[in-house]
C-alpha atoms as a PDB file:
ATOM      1  CA  UNK A   1      79.663 106.357 104.914  1.00  0.00           C
ATOM      2  CA  UNK A   2      76.913 106.803 107.525  1.00  0.00           C
ATOM      3  CA  UNK A   3      77.779 107.806 111.086  1.00  0.00           C
ATOM      4  CA  UNK A   4      79.810 105.023 112.641  1.00  0.00           C
ATOM      5  CA  UNK A   5      80.777 104.248 116.246  1.00  0.00           C
ATOM      6  CA  UNK A   6      84.333 102.915 116.236  1.00  0.00           C
ATOM      7  CA  UNK A   7      84.144 101.766 119.845  1.00  0.00           C
ATOM      8  CA  UNK A   8      81.341  99.322 119.031  1.00  0.00           C
ATOM      9  CA  UNK A   9      82.961  97.922 115.899  1.00  0.00           C
ATOM     10  CA  UNK A  10      83.989  94.392 116.839  1.00  0.00           C
ATOM     11  CA  UNK A  11      86.734  94.204 114.209  1.00  0.00           C
ATOM     12  CA  UNK A  12      88.290  97.557 115.051  1.00  0.00           C
ATOM     13  CA  UNK A  13      88.254  96.992 118.809  1.00  0.00           C
ATOM     14  CA  UNK A  14      89.821  93.542 118.424  1.00  0.00           C
ATOM     15  CA  UNK A  15      92.525  94.970 116.156  1.00  0.00           C
ATOM     16  CA  UNK A  16      93.179  97.814 118.631  1.00  0.00           C
ATOM     17  CA  UNK A  17      93.702  95.298 121.422  1.00  0.00           C
ATOM     18  CA  UNK A  18      96.050  93.161 119.310  1.00  0.00           C
ATOM     19  CA  UNK A  19      98.120  96.194 118.310  1.00  0.00           C
ATOM     20  CA  UNK A  20      98.232  97.506 121.870  1.00  0.00           C
ATOM     21  CA  UNK A  21      99.480  94.135 123.100  1.00  0.00           C
ATOM     22  CA  UNK A  22     102.142  94.019 120.377  1.00  0.00           C
ATOM     23  CA  UNK A  23     103.333  97.548 121.122  1.00  0.00           C
ATOM     24  CA  UNK A  24     103.554  96.857 124.853  1.00  0.00           C
ATOM     25  CA  UNK A  25     105.563  93.688 124.290  1.00  0.00           C
ATOM     26  CA  UNK A  26     107.950  95.411 121.883  1.00  0.00           C
ATOM     27  CA  UNK A  27     108.434  98.179 124.460  1.00  0.00           C
ATOM     28  CA  UNK A  28     109.105  95.585 127.161  1.00  0.00           C
ATOM     29  CA  UNK A  29     105.982  96.513 129.131  1.00  0.00           C
ATOM     30  CA  UNK A  30     104.775  92.996 129.916  1.00  0.00           C
ATOM     31  CA  UNK A  31     102.462  94.151 132.712  1.00  0.00           C
ATOM     32  CA  UNK A  32     100.360  96.319 130.375  1.00  0.00           C
ATOM     33  CA  UNK A  33     100.438  93.604 127.721  1.00  0.00           C
ATOM     34  CA  UNK A  34      99.123  91.032 130.210  1.00  0.00           C
ATOM     35  CA  UNK A  35      96.252  93.345 131.173  1.00  0.00           C
ATOM     36  CA  UNK A  36      95.193  93.677 127.535  1.00  0.00           C
ATOM     37  CA  UNK A  37      95.600  89.938 126.942  1.00  0.00           C
ATOM     38  CA  UNK A  38      93.310  89.177 129.881  1.00  0.00           C
ATOM     39  CA  UNK A  39      90.697  91.594 128.495  1.00  0.00           C
ATOM     40  CA  UNK A  40      90.934  89.972 125.070  1.00  0.00           C
ATOM     41  CA  UNK A  41      90.635  86.440 126.439  1.00  0.00           C
ATOM     42  CA  UNK A  42      87.769  87.270 128.792  1.00  0.00           C
ATOM     43  CA  UNK A  43      85.575  89.194 126.381  1.00  0.00           C
ATOM     44  CA  UNK A  44      86.287  87.134 123.264  1.00  0.00           C
ATOM     45  CA  UNK A  45      85.804  83.739 124.902  1.00  0.00           C
ATOM     46  CA  UNK A  46      84.297  81.116 122.623  1.00  0.00           C
ATOM     47  CA  UNK A  47      80.972  81.108 124.450  1.00  0.00           C
ATOM     48  CA  UNK A  48      80.481  84.869 124.097  1.00  0.00           C
ATOM     49  CA  UNK A  49      78.198  86.588 121.610  1.00  0.00           C
ATOM     50  CA  UNK A  50      81.050  88.981 120.900  1.00  0.00           C
ATOM     51  CA  UNK A  51      83.218  86.124 119.668  1.00  0.00           C
ATOM     52  CA  UNK A  52      80.430  84.839 117.422  1.00  0.00           C
ATOM     53  CA  UNK A  53      80.086  88.259 115.808  1.00  0.00           C
ATOM     54  CA  UNK A  54      83.860  88.616 115.490  1.00  0.00           C
ATOM     55  CA  UNK A  55      84.170  85.289 113.642  1.00  0.00           C
ATOM     56  CA  UNK A  56      81.600  86.412 111.063  1.00  0.00           C
ATOM     57  CA  UNK A  57      83.154  89.886 110.853  1.00  0.00           C
ATOM     58  CA  UNK A  58      86.635  88.415 110.380  1.00  0.00           C
ATOM     59  CA  UNK A  59      85.509  86.074 107.611  1.00  0.00           C
ATOM     60  CA  UNK A  60      83.940  88.951 105.676  1.00  0.00           C
ATOM     61  CA  UNK A  61      86.939  91.259 106.003  1.00  0.00           C
ATOM     62  CA  UNK A  62      89.641  88.659 105.303  1.00  0.00           C
ATOM     63  CA  UNK A  63      88.059  86.502 102.617  1.00  0.00           C
ATOM     64  CA  UNK A  64      89.017  87.073  98.985  1.00  0.00           C
ATOM     65  CA  UNK A  65      87.513  85.162  96.077  1.00  0.00           C
ATOM     66  CA  UNK A  66      87.370  85.612  92.290  1.00  0.00           C
ATOM     67  CA  UNK A  67      83.718  84.893  91.557  1.00  0.00           C
ATOM     68  CA  UNK A  68      81.068  87.600  91.940  1.00  0.00           C
ATOM     69  CA  UNK A  69      78.417  84.891  92.246  1.00  0.00           C
ATOM     70  CA  UNK A  70      80.241  83.317  95.180  1.00  0.00           C
ATOM     71  CA  UNK A  71      80.643  86.772  96.754  1.00  0.00           C
ATOM     72  CA  UNK A  72      76.882  87.299  96.554  1.00  0.00           C
ATOM     73  CA  UNK A  73      76.297  83.878  98.148  1.00  0.00           C
ATOM     74  CA  UNK A  74      78.731  84.690 100.964  1.00  0.00           C
ATOM     75  CA  UNK A  75      76.878  87.925 101.664  1.00  0.00           C
ATOM     76  CA  UNK A  76      73.533  86.130 101.585  1.00  0.00           C
ATOM     77  CA  UNK A  77      74.712  83.418 103.998  1.00  0.00           C
ATOM     78  CA  UNK A  78      76.300  86.033 106.266  1.00  0.00           C
ATOM     79  CA  UNK A  79      73.012  87.934 106.401  1.00  0.00           C
ATOM     80  CA  UNK A  80      71.271  84.777 107.613  1.00  0.00           C
ATOM     81  CA  UNK A  81      74.043  83.977 110.127  1.00  0.00           C
ATOM     82  CA  UNK A  82      73.988  87.495 111.602  1.00  0.00           C
ATOM     83  CA  UNK A  83      70.316  87.136 112.496  1.00  0.00           C
ATOM     84  CA  UNK A  84      71.212  84.259 114.826  1.00  0.00           C
ATOM     85  CA  UNK A  85      73.145  86.658 117.062  1.00  0.00           C
ATOM     86  CA  UNK A  86      71.478  88.013 120.188  1.00  0.00           C
ATOM     87  CA  UNK A  87      71.539  91.836 119.767  1.00  0.00           C
ATOM     88  CA  UNK A  88      70.715  92.565 123.402  1.00  0.00           C
ATOM     89  CA  UNK A  89      73.422  90.287 124.766  1.00  0.00           C
ATOM     90  CA  UNK A  90      75.883  91.538 122.161  1.00  0.00           C
ATOM     91  CA  UNK A  91      75.233  95.147 123.114  1.00  0.00           C
ATOM     92  CA  UNK A  92      75.817  94.394 126.813  1.00  0.00           C
ATOM     93  CA  UNK A  93      79.033  92.530 126.062  1.00  0.00           C
ATOM     94  CA  UNK A  94      80.361  95.414 123.976  1.00  0.00           C
ATOM     95  CA  UNK A  95      79.533  97.901 126.730  1.00  0.00           C
ATOM     96  CA  UNK A  96      81.346  95.702 129.233  1.00  0.00           C
ATOM     97  CA  UNK A  97      84.371  95.447 126.922  1.00  0.00           C
ATOM     98  CA  UNK A  98      84.547  99.214 126.408  1.00  0.00           C
ATOM     99  CA  UNK A  99      84.261  99.786 130.170  1.00  0.00           C
ATOM    100  CA  UNK A 100      87.108  97.342 130.816  1.00  0.00           C
ATOM    101  CA  UNK A 101      89.332  99.030 128.224  1.00  0.00           C
ATOM    102  CA  UNK A 102      88.580 102.519 129.541  1.00  0.00           C
ATOM    103  CA  UNK A 103      89.339 101.576 133.153  1.00  0.00           C
ATOM    104  CA  UNK A 104      92.223  99.131 132.778  1.00  0.00           C
ATOM    105  CA  UNK A 105      94.250 100.177 129.735  1.00  0.00           C
ATOM    106  CA  UNK A 106      96.499 103.135 130.397  1.00  0.00           C
ATOM    107  CA  UNK A 107      96.518 104.741 126.955  1.00  0.00           C
ATOM    108  CA  UNK A 108      94.676 107.969 126.107  1.00  0.00           C
ATOM    109  CA  UNK A 109      94.823 107.378 122.349  1.00  0.00           C
ATOM    110  CA  UNK A 110      93.783 103.729 122.403  1.00  0.00           C
ATOM    111  CA  UNK A 111      90.850 104.283 120.007  1.00  0.00           C
ATOM    112  CA  UNK A 112      92.753 106.671 117.725  1.00  0.00           C
ATOM    113  CA  UNK A 113      95.017 104.226 115.924  1.00  0.00           C
ATOM    114  CA  UNK A 114      94.533 104.278 112.180  1.00  0.00           C
ATOM    115  CA  UNK A 115      93.276 100.842 111.252  1.00  0.00           C
ATOM    116  CA  UNK A 116      93.132  99.945 107.591  1.00  0.00           C
ATOM    117  CA  UNK A 117      91.103  99.226 105.673  1.00  0.00           C
ATOM    118  CA  UNK A 118      88.844 101.343 107.890  1.00  0.00           C
ATOM    119  CA  UNK A 119      86.115 101.806 105.304  1.00  0.00           C
ATOM    120  CA  UNK A 120      85.411  98.100 104.863  1.00  0.00           C
ATOM    121  CA  UNK A 121      85.543  97.560 108.641  1.00  0.00           C
ATOM    122  CA  UNK A 122      82.877 100.241 109.063  1.00  0.00           C
ATOM    123  CA  UNK A 123      80.854  98.854 106.154  1.00  0.00           C
ATOM    124  CA  UNK A 124      80.810  95.297 107.515  1.00  0.00           C
ATOM    125  CA  UNK A 125      79.807  96.387 111.025  1.00  0.00           C
ATOM    126  CA  UNK A 126      77.041  98.614 109.655  1.00  0.00           C
ATOM    127  CA  UNK A 127      75.703  95.707 107.599  1.00  0.00           C
ATOM    128  CA  UNK A 128      75.840  93.264 110.508  1.00  0.00           C
ATOM    129  CA  UNK A 129      73.874  95.729 112.631  1.00  0.00           C
ATOM    130  CA  UNK A 130      71.362  96.330 109.859  1.00  0.00           C
ATOM    131  CA  UNK A 131      70.916  92.647 109.014  1.00  0.00           C
ATOM    132  CA  UNK A 132      70.030  92.069 112.660  1.00  0.00           C
ATOM    133  CA  UNK A 133      67.302  94.708 112.420  1.00  0.00           C
ATOM    134  CA  UNK A 134      68.932  97.953 113.571  1.00  0.00           C
ATOM    135  CA  UNK A 135      66.907  99.918 111.008  1.00  0.00           C
ATOM    136  CA  UNK A 136      69.443 102.752 110.872  1.00  0.00           C
ATOM    137  CA  UNK A 137      70.143 102.565 107.121  1.00  0.00           C
ATOM    138  CA  UNK A 138      67.947 103.480 104.174  1.00  0.00           C
ATOM    139  CA  UNK A 139      67.334 100.700 101.610  1.00  0.00           C
ATOM    140  CA  UNK A 140      69.603 102.404  99.086  1.00  0.00           C
ATOM    141  CA  UNK A 141      72.371 102.559 101.709  1.00  0.00           C
ATOM    142  CA  UNK A 142      72.060  98.843 102.384  1.00  0.00           C
ATOM    143  CA  UNK A 143      72.388  98.144  98.657  1.00  0.00           C
ATOM    144  CA  UNK A 144      75.401 100.440  98.423  1.00  0.00           C
ATOM    145  CA  UNK A 145      77.128  98.844 101.419  1.00  0.00           C
ATOM    146  CA  UNK A 146      76.495  95.324 100.152  1.00  0.00           C
ATOM    147  CA  UNK A 147      77.915  96.362  96.775  1.00  0.00           C
ATOM    148  CA  UNK A 148      81.040  97.699  98.513  1.00  0.00           C
ATOM    149  CA  UNK A 149      81.356  94.431 100.396  1.00  0.00           C
ATOM    150  CA  UNK A 150      80.983  92.419  97.190  1.00  0.00           C
ATOM    151  CA  UNK A 151      83.730  94.514  95.579  1.00  0.00           C
ATOM    152  CA  UNK A 152      85.924  93.933  98.626  1.00  0.00           C
ATOM    153  CA  UNK A 153      85.423  90.170  98.545  1.00  0.00           C
ATOM    154  CA  UNK A 154      86.505  90.124  94.887  1.00  0.00           C
ATOM    155  CA  UNK A 155      89.339  92.650  95.350  1.00  0.00           C
ATOM    156  CA  UNK A 156      92.656  92.361  93.526  1.00  0.00           C
ATOM    157  CA  UNK A 157      95.273  93.205  96.154  1.00  0.00           C
ATOM    158  CA  UNK A 158      94.438  96.903  96.062  1.00  0.00           C
ATOM    159  CA  UNK A 159      96.263  97.446  92.804  1.00  0.00           C
ATOM    160  CA  UNK A 160      94.958  99.095  89.673  1.00  0.00           C
ATOM    161  CA  UNK A 161      93.666  96.561  87.179  1.00  0.00           C
ATOM    162  CA  UNK A 162      93.768  96.870  83.400  1.00  0.00           C
ATOM    163  CA  UNK A 163      90.425  97.170  81.653  1.00  0.00           C
ATOM    164  CA  UNK A 164      89.846  97.130  77.909  1.00  0.00           C
ATOM    165  CA  UNK A 165      90.063 100.612  76.417  1.00  0.00           C
ATOM    166  CA  UNK A 166      90.333 101.145  72.640  1.00  0.00           C
ATOM    167  CA  UNK A 167      91.987 104.558  73.157  1.00  0.00           C
ATOM    168  CA  UNK A 168      94.931 103.181  75.132  1.00  0.00           C
ATOM    169  CA  UNK A 169      97.999 101.338  73.895  1.00  0.00           C
ATOM    170  CA  UNK A 170      97.838  98.003  75.803  1.00  0.00           C
ATOM    171  CA  UNK A 171     101.604  97.571  76.067  1.00  0.00           C
ATOM    172  CA  UNK A 172     102.293 101.140  77.206  1.00  0.00           C
ATOM    173  CA  UNK A 173      99.355 101.027  79.591  1.00  0.00           C
ATOM    174  CA  UNK A 174     100.586  97.826  81.213  1.00  0.00           C
ATOM    175  CA  UNK A 175     104.062  99.285  81.781  1.00  0.00           C
ATOM    176  CA  UNK A 176     102.552 102.446  83.270  1.00  0.00           C
ATOM    177  CA  UNK A 177     100.310 100.515  85.643  1.00  0.00           C
ATOM    178  CA  UNK A 178     103.101  98.223  86.788  1.00  0.00           C
ATOM    179  CA  UNK A 179     105.323 101.200  87.585  1.00  0.00           C
ATOM    180  CA  UNK A 180     102.461 103.017  89.274  1.00  0.00           C
ATOM    181  CA  UNK A 181     101.485 100.051  91.465  1.00  0.00           C
ATOM    182  CA  UNK A 182     105.105  99.401  92.456  1.00  0.00           C
ATOM    183  CA  UNK A 183     105.607 102.996  93.543  1.00  0.00           C
ATOM    184  CA  UNK A 184     102.225 104.004  94.979  1.00  0.00           C
ATOM    185  CA  UNK A 185     100.166 100.835  95.449  1.00  0.00           C
ATOM    186  CA  UNK A 186     100.603 100.751  99.233  1.00  0.00           C
ATOM    187  CA  UNK A 187     100.529 104.507  99.793  1.00  0.00           C
ATOM    188  CA  UNK A 188      97.134 105.416  98.347  1.00  0.00           C
ATOM    189  CA  UNK A 189      93.689 104.726  99.717  1.00  0.00           C
ATOM    190  CA  UNK A 190      90.935 102.956  97.747  1.00  0.00           C
ATOM    191  CA  UNK A 191      89.344 106.128  96.364  1.00  0.00           C
ATOM    192  CA  UNK A 192      92.677 107.558  95.198  1.00  0.00           C
ATOM    193  CA  UNK A 193      93.752 104.303  93.571  1.00  0.00           C
ATOM    194  CA  UNK A 194      90.426 103.937  91.728  1.00  0.00           C
ATOM    195  CA  UNK A 195      90.538 107.526  90.455  1.00  0.00           C
ATOM    196  CA  UNK A 196      94.137 107.355  89.262  1.00  0.00           C
ATOM    197  CA  UNK A 197      93.476 103.983  87.662  1.00  0.00           C
ATOM    198  CA  UNK A 198      90.673 105.496  85.587  1.00  0.00           C
ATOM    199  CA  UNK A 199      92.900 108.472  84.743  1.00  0.00           C
ATOM    200  CA  UNK A 200      95.804 106.285  83.614  1.00  0.00           C
ATOM    201  CA  UNK A 201      93.498 104.244  81.412  1.00  0.00           C
ATOM    202  CA  UNK A 202      92.144 107.412  79.771  1.00  0.00           C
ATOM    203  CA  UNK A 203      88.589 106.428  80.792  1.00  0.00           C
ATOM    204  CA  UNK A 204      86.896 109.831  81.045  1.00  0.00           C
ATOM    205  CA  UNK A 205      83.525 108.379  82.054  1.00  0.00           C
ATOM    206  CA  UNK A 206      85.103 106.388  84.881  1.00  0.00           C
ATOM    207  CA  UNK A 207      87.077 109.448  86.033  1.00  0.00           C
ATOM    208  CA  UNK A 208      83.859 111.476  86.201  1.00  0.00           C
ATOM    209  CA  UNK A 209      82.087 108.718  88.140  1.00  0.00           C
ATOM    210  CA  UNK A 210      84.944 108.375  90.618  1.00  0.00           C
ATOM    211  CA  UNK A 211      85.049 112.119  91.251  1.00  0.00           C
ATOM    212  CA  UNK A 212      81.264 112.217  91.761  1.00  0.00           C
ATOM    213  CA  UNK A 213      81.579 109.380  94.290  1.00  0.00           C
ATOM    214  CA  UNK A 214      84.384 111.207  96.098  1.00  0.00           C
ATOM    215  CA  UNK A 215      82.299 114.403  96.231  1.00  0.00           C
ATOM    216  CA  UNK A 216      79.290 112.509  97.591  1.00  0.00           C
ATOM    217  CA  UNK A 217      81.387 110.731 100.221  1.00  0.00           C
ATOM    218  CA  UNK A 218      83.048 114.042 101.074  1.00  0.00           C
ATOM    219  CA  UNK A 219      79.751 115.733 101.851  1.00  0.00           C
ATOM    220  CA  UNK A 220      78.664 112.800 104.031  1.00  0.00           C
ATOM    221  CA  UNK A 221      81.991 112.795 105.900  1.00  0.00           C
ATOM    222  CA  UNK A 222      81.778 116.551 106.496  1.00  0.00           C
ATOM    223  CA  UNK A 223      78.186 116.317 107.739  1.00  0.00           C
ATOM    224  CA  UNK A 224      79.202 113.593 110.186  1.00  0.00           C
ATOM    225  CA  UNK A 225      82.188 115.632 111.339  1.00  0.00           C
ATOM    226  CA  UNK A 226      80.195 118.810 111.970  1.00  0.00           C
ATOM    227  CA  UNK A 227      77.529 116.926 113.929  1.00  0.00           C
ATOM    228  CA  UNK A 228      79.934 116.596 116.854  1.00  0.00           C
ATOM    229  CA  UNK A 229      82.258 119.552 116.181  1.00  0.00           C
ATOM    230  CA  UNK A 230      82.508 122.054 119.054  1.00  0.00           C
ATOM    231  CA  UNK A 231      85.119 124.328 117.500  1.00  0.00           C
ATOM    232  CA  UNK A 232      83.492 127.701 116.712  1.00  0.00           C
ATOM    233  CA  UNK A 233      86.095 128.582 114.087  1.00  0.00           C
ATOM    234  CA  UNK A 234      85.539 125.322 112.194  1.00  0.00           C
ATOM    235  CA  UNK A 235      81.763 125.619 112.554  1.00  0.00           C
ATOM    236  CA  UNK A 236      81.909 129.086 111.016  1.00  0.00           C
ATOM    237  CA  UNK A 237      83.640 127.561 107.978  1.00  0.00           C
ATOM    238  CA  UNK A 238      81.097 124.747 107.537  1.00  0.00           C
ATOM    239  CA  UNK A 239      79.065 126.331 104.737  1.00  0.00           C
ATOM    240  CA  UNK A 240      82.161 127.519 102.871  1.00  0.00           C
ATOM    241  CA  UNK A 241      83.898 124.131 103.044  1.00  0.00           C
ATOM    242  CA  UNK A 242      80.758 122.197 102.083  1.00  0.00           C
ATOM    243  CA  UNK A 243      80.105 124.497  99.119  1.00  0.00           C
ATOM    244  CA  UNK A 244      83.658 124.031  97.885  1.00  0.00           C
ATOM    245  CA  UNK A 245      83.149 120.268  97.838  1.00  0.00           C
ATOM    246  CA  UNK A 246      79.744 120.510  96.155  1.00  0.00           C
ATOM    247  CA  UNK A 247      81.075 122.887  93.497  1.00  0.00           C
ATOM    248  CA  UNK A 248      84.272 120.959  92.792  1.00  0.00           C
ATOM    249  CA  UNK A 249      84.601 120.501  89.051  1.00  0.00           C
ATOM    250  CA  UNK A 250      84.457 117.270  87.090  1.00  0.00           C
ATOM    251  CA  UNK A 251      87.116 116.570  84.476  1.00  0.00           C
ATOM    252  CA  UNK A 252      90.441 114.947  83.704  1.00  0.00           C
ATOM    253  CA  UNK A 253      92.774 117.928  84.119  1.00  0.00           C
ATOM    254  CA  UNK A 254      95.640 117.663  86.599  1.00  0.00           C
ATOM    255  CA  UNK A 255      94.101 120.417  88.744  1.00  0.00           C
ATOM    256  CA  UNK A 256      90.766 118.610  89.053  1.00  0.00           C
ATOM    257  CA  UNK A 257      92.425 115.248  89.738  1.00  0.00           C
ATOM    258  CA  UNK A 258      94.673 116.817  92.382  1.00  0.00           C
ATOM    259  CA  UNK A 259      91.683 118.341  94.180  1.00  0.00           C
ATOM    260  CA  UNK A 260      89.804 115.034  94.092  1.00  0.00           C
ATOM    261  CA  UNK A 261      92.833 113.165  95.454  1.00  0.00           C
ATOM    262  CA  UNK A 262      93.165 115.687  98.294  1.00  0.00           C
ATOM    263  CA  UNK A 263      89.473 115.353  99.103  1.00  0.00           C
ATOM    264  CA  UNK A 264      89.800 111.544  99.092  1.00  0.00           C
ATOM    265  CA  UNK A 265      92.636 111.821 101.639  1.00  0.00           C
ATOM    266  CA  UNK A 266      90.520 114.142 103.805  1.00  0.00           C
ATOM    267  CA  UNK A 267      87.570 111.720 103.694  1.00  0.00           C
ATOM    268  CA  UNK A 268      89.724 108.848 104.884  1.00  0.00           C
ATOM    269  CA  UNK A 269      91.055 110.983 107.739  1.00  0.00           C
ATOM    270  CA  UNK A 270      87.545 112.047 108.804  1.00  0.00           C
ATOM    271  CA  UNK A 271      86.259 108.483 108.600  1.00  0.00           C
ATOM    272  CA  UNK A 272      89.177 107.047 110.565  1.00  0.00           C
ATOM    273  CA  UNK A 273      88.547 109.576 113.357  1.00  0.00           C
ATOM    274  CA  UNK A 274      84.788 109.035 113.341  1.00  0.00           C
ATOM    275  CA  UNK A 275      83.555 108.278 116.830  1.00  0.00           C
END
């Protein structure tokens, strides 16, 4: 995932406000809740550019359909719709929103809440920016992000799905997957679920591909992290940590899978704290 500014992600900032309001109301702090509500109502008014972007963002992150063809059409139509937004006005409105939050909401960790699914939120915002002409992504990155969005639109509740595999007993495999999804389906992130799904189905090629993707994403996440890191101890470890990721083995052994799962967890943490 390319460098991403959480504070200018319309979906994340809206979700942060909603959660802050909910937390204040549960805690009985109506005064703080009212402040956040007024910010939400003022900046997301129906005549604002921010609201127009949020409606498109929300439709892309909350829609789920079965057809890949329809998913492609949704992406195509969304690309056209995004170009009708006014980037200059949108940028000013986001700056005004951030200023209001920083000055009126009394919470130091407002932007630090873990919002899931963070990766798709970042992907959608990056695409909206790029479709409007930001020019910050390479062509291959645009293709990759649109592919991720297409997969999200056709998602299956985040659970491992059964694919045909001649080396696996269909009945046993189904029982294994049902037990796995019941126990871990909500606890694992997308990368971990995809990797373990390939492992359970004895699909060695898919396992290798998933680990390669995790390694690639890991290097990107580390590069983004070190760009703004001011800790001398961590900076001194940069080359060692990066080399360990690059040299991580590919295979189906428990040791390799465990390392890949740990790296996938680290990536999600780095991405969720990306400023």
